[in-house]
Structures are given as structure tokens and as C-alpha cells.
Amino acid sequence: MDTAPVFLFILLVFANRYVFGLYLKLVKGRRFDETTSTYEPTVTIVVPLFNEGRSIYDTILSLIALDYPREKLSVTVVDDCSTDDSYDWACRAAALHPEQVQVLRNPHNMGKRKGINHAVRETHAEIVVSVDSDVLVDPRAVRELVARFTAPDIAAVGGRVHVTNANENWLSRMQTIKYFFGQELLKNLERSLQSVMCLSGCLTAYRRHVLLELEPILEDRNVFGVPIKYGEDRFLTRQIVKAGYRTLLTLDAFCYTKAPTTLTAYFNQQLRWKRSNVIDFVCGLQHAWRLHPLVGVHYLSMFALLLVYPFIIIMHLQNGDFVPLIAFHVELLGLLAVIYHFHPSTRRLAPQFRVHPIWFLPMAVLMPTAYLILTPLGLFTLHSSSWETRGHGAVVPGKIS
């Protein structure tokens, strides 16, 4: 089989994500990340909770201390029937700030999305900020998110995620660079066209009325009658775009989390993301044609790559030339590592958030392994409803720049 067309396709996808997106960013200039200083709405921060233990206490206290008018800021924690002492720790934090913190508990385990919907119904704030229970948020994050709602049809604004245990081991170092590219460069095309297709639940602000408008769809998410509880962030973002709203991402609002430091935890995370990707791409085919043409082509090409790449790996294994394939990955990732090292944004990071670029090279093995094993495994475990919590506590942020 001639692999030239396949590799040409991969290079085109690569150029679309890295080169054309950067070009559009440069063309838009200051309009790429517009802000307003006149919008200061009421905000509630929603924290879906499941088995985070004492770390939820630290998370709540950090949210109360955010740089935003106290009378316009509240926190709602929704416990999804945790089996540990998470609910008790949340209540302890709420007792310290009863006027600002509300702790809800679902009647039974319902999943993250329905937990958030529960909180949205209970609040009357104009903006709902979704924050994962295992992160800490930068003090200015809410201000930076709110400042991007420059027009009524902007329905959601996401922030970036910094890895706090960047230099803990080789795996956390590799993921630090992966996170960097995922947020700094790979979304430039979607950001330029204001149709970001996946905003992280770690830190994203939504107009409450849009969440209420979409609630019937969000509450009844299933595939062939099987309820789907994972990938809710990607699903919600796609539904917002499908409804005709704009979605943005700003790197000026950020939060802090820990990356997995064991291969088991890493592959569990990747499996969850693979399931989410498969479900999202398949269900999104019916309305991909309604996206901006460039975003639509980008969306469909990423789906094609997800399906085709495992077969490329198998083909190389059968032909006995797997080593040249890995060598190709090493060369490509080496180029990206150099870009990471010299990128201005990397230079602005505090030392504890920077890693040596050589640690990106293990992706040359882990990436094809994830595609080969986890893509088909994800296809056969789409019925999974586990939260698959990462099981680590909150982290203490340091200075970014």
C-alpha cells in the first residue's frame, strides 16, 4: 500500500493546525482576543464534586479569594454522592462563608453534567463559571473571562490550564509541553474564527441563559439509549456552537492542576478523552456542514486522523518498518520541542512551569501506542459511565510570569 497520500494528509492536518491558525491570528491582530472593561455581571462558580476529599476545602477557599466584587461572586458546589468525606469538607468551607458558598447534593449519582445543570437551576447569576474540583484558580481568572463577553452572541469563554507538577517526573514533563501546544497553538484556527470546539471544564465561563436553553439536550445525552456521562465539556461546547453562538478561549485566564505521573493514570485519562473524541466526532457529523468552512474541514480532518492512524501503525508493524515510523515521530516532535523552547510564551513562564524540551520526545512512542490501543478500546467501552476521577488533591499555585 502506498503510504504517501496518508502522510500527505497528516502533514496537511499538521499545517492546518499550526501554520494556518497562526496566520489567521497574526491577521486579526488585536481583534484576536478583544476585551471589554464595562461588563461586570453577577457570577457563580460551579464546582462538580466527586471523591476529592480534603482538596475541595482548599479549592473553595481559593475561589472565595478571587479578585472580583464580593457582592457579585458566589460559589455552588454539587456533590454527586461522593463515597468519601468530600461532602463534609465542602460543608466545612461553606460554614466559613455562608453568604457566598452553597453546597448541594444530588439525590443519586447522576454524572458531572447533570450535577452542573442542578447548580445552574439553583442560581440566578448572569455568568456561570465551571471549575473542576481538583484545580485552583488564578485570582484574576474570573475578571479575564468576563472581559471577553464583548457581544451578546458570545456564549462561552474558556481559560487555560497550567501544570503545577511540571518537573515531577518524565511523564509530567512530557504533558507540560503537550498542554502548552494544545492551548498556545493548536486552537489558533478555532480561536480566530471564534468557534472553539472544546472548552475545558477546568475553567470556562458560560452565559446562564444559554445553559438553560440547552438544558433539555444536556440532560438527555445518550447514544442508542445508553446514557453518556463523560466528555461533557466537549459535548456542551459543540452544542453551544451548533445553536449559533460564539465560543472563545483566552490564555489570560488560567487555573492550576496536576498532570498524571504514572502510566496507568495517564492512559486512563487518554482513554476517557478518546471515548469523548469518538462520541463527539460521530454525533457532530450531522451538523459539521453548518460550521465555518475552515472549522468544518478542520473538525472532519481530525476525525479522519483519529480513525486512520491506528491502521497506519498496524500497517507499519506488519511490514516490519515500525522503527522508521517512530523515527518520523521523533523528527516531528523534535521540531516541536525546539519551537516550545524558543517560543516567547515559554520564556515568560516561571521556572517551575518550564521543562527541558527533550522531554517531549517520549510522545514518539506514547502517541502511536495511545492511538493503536486506546482508540479501539474507547470504541468498545463507550457505555462506560465512570467519573474516572484523577484522584489527586488541589495544588498550590505559583507565579506564572
Foldseek 3Di string as FASTA:
>chain_A
DDCVVVVVLVVVLVCLQFPVLVVLCVVCDQVLQAFDDPDAWQEEEEEEDAPQPLQLLVQLVLQCQAPHPNVRYAYEYEYQPHPDCPQVNLVVSCVVPVVGYHYHYDPHRQFDLVSVVVVLVVDDTQKYKFAYSFWHWDRCQVVSFRGRCPDPLAFKEAEAEFAQQCVVDLVSVQVLLVSCCVAVTRCSNCSSVQQRQFHDSNTMMGGSVVCVVCVVVSNPDDDPRQHFRALSRNVVSNVSVLVPGGYHYDHVTYMYHHDDDDPVLNLLVLLSVLLNLQVNLVVCPVCLVVDDVSVSVSSVSVVVCLVCLLVVCVVCVVVVNNVVQLVVVQVVLVVSLVCCVPPPLLVQFDPSRHDRSVSNSVCSVVVNVCSNPSNVVSVVVSSDNDPSDSRHHYDDDDDTD
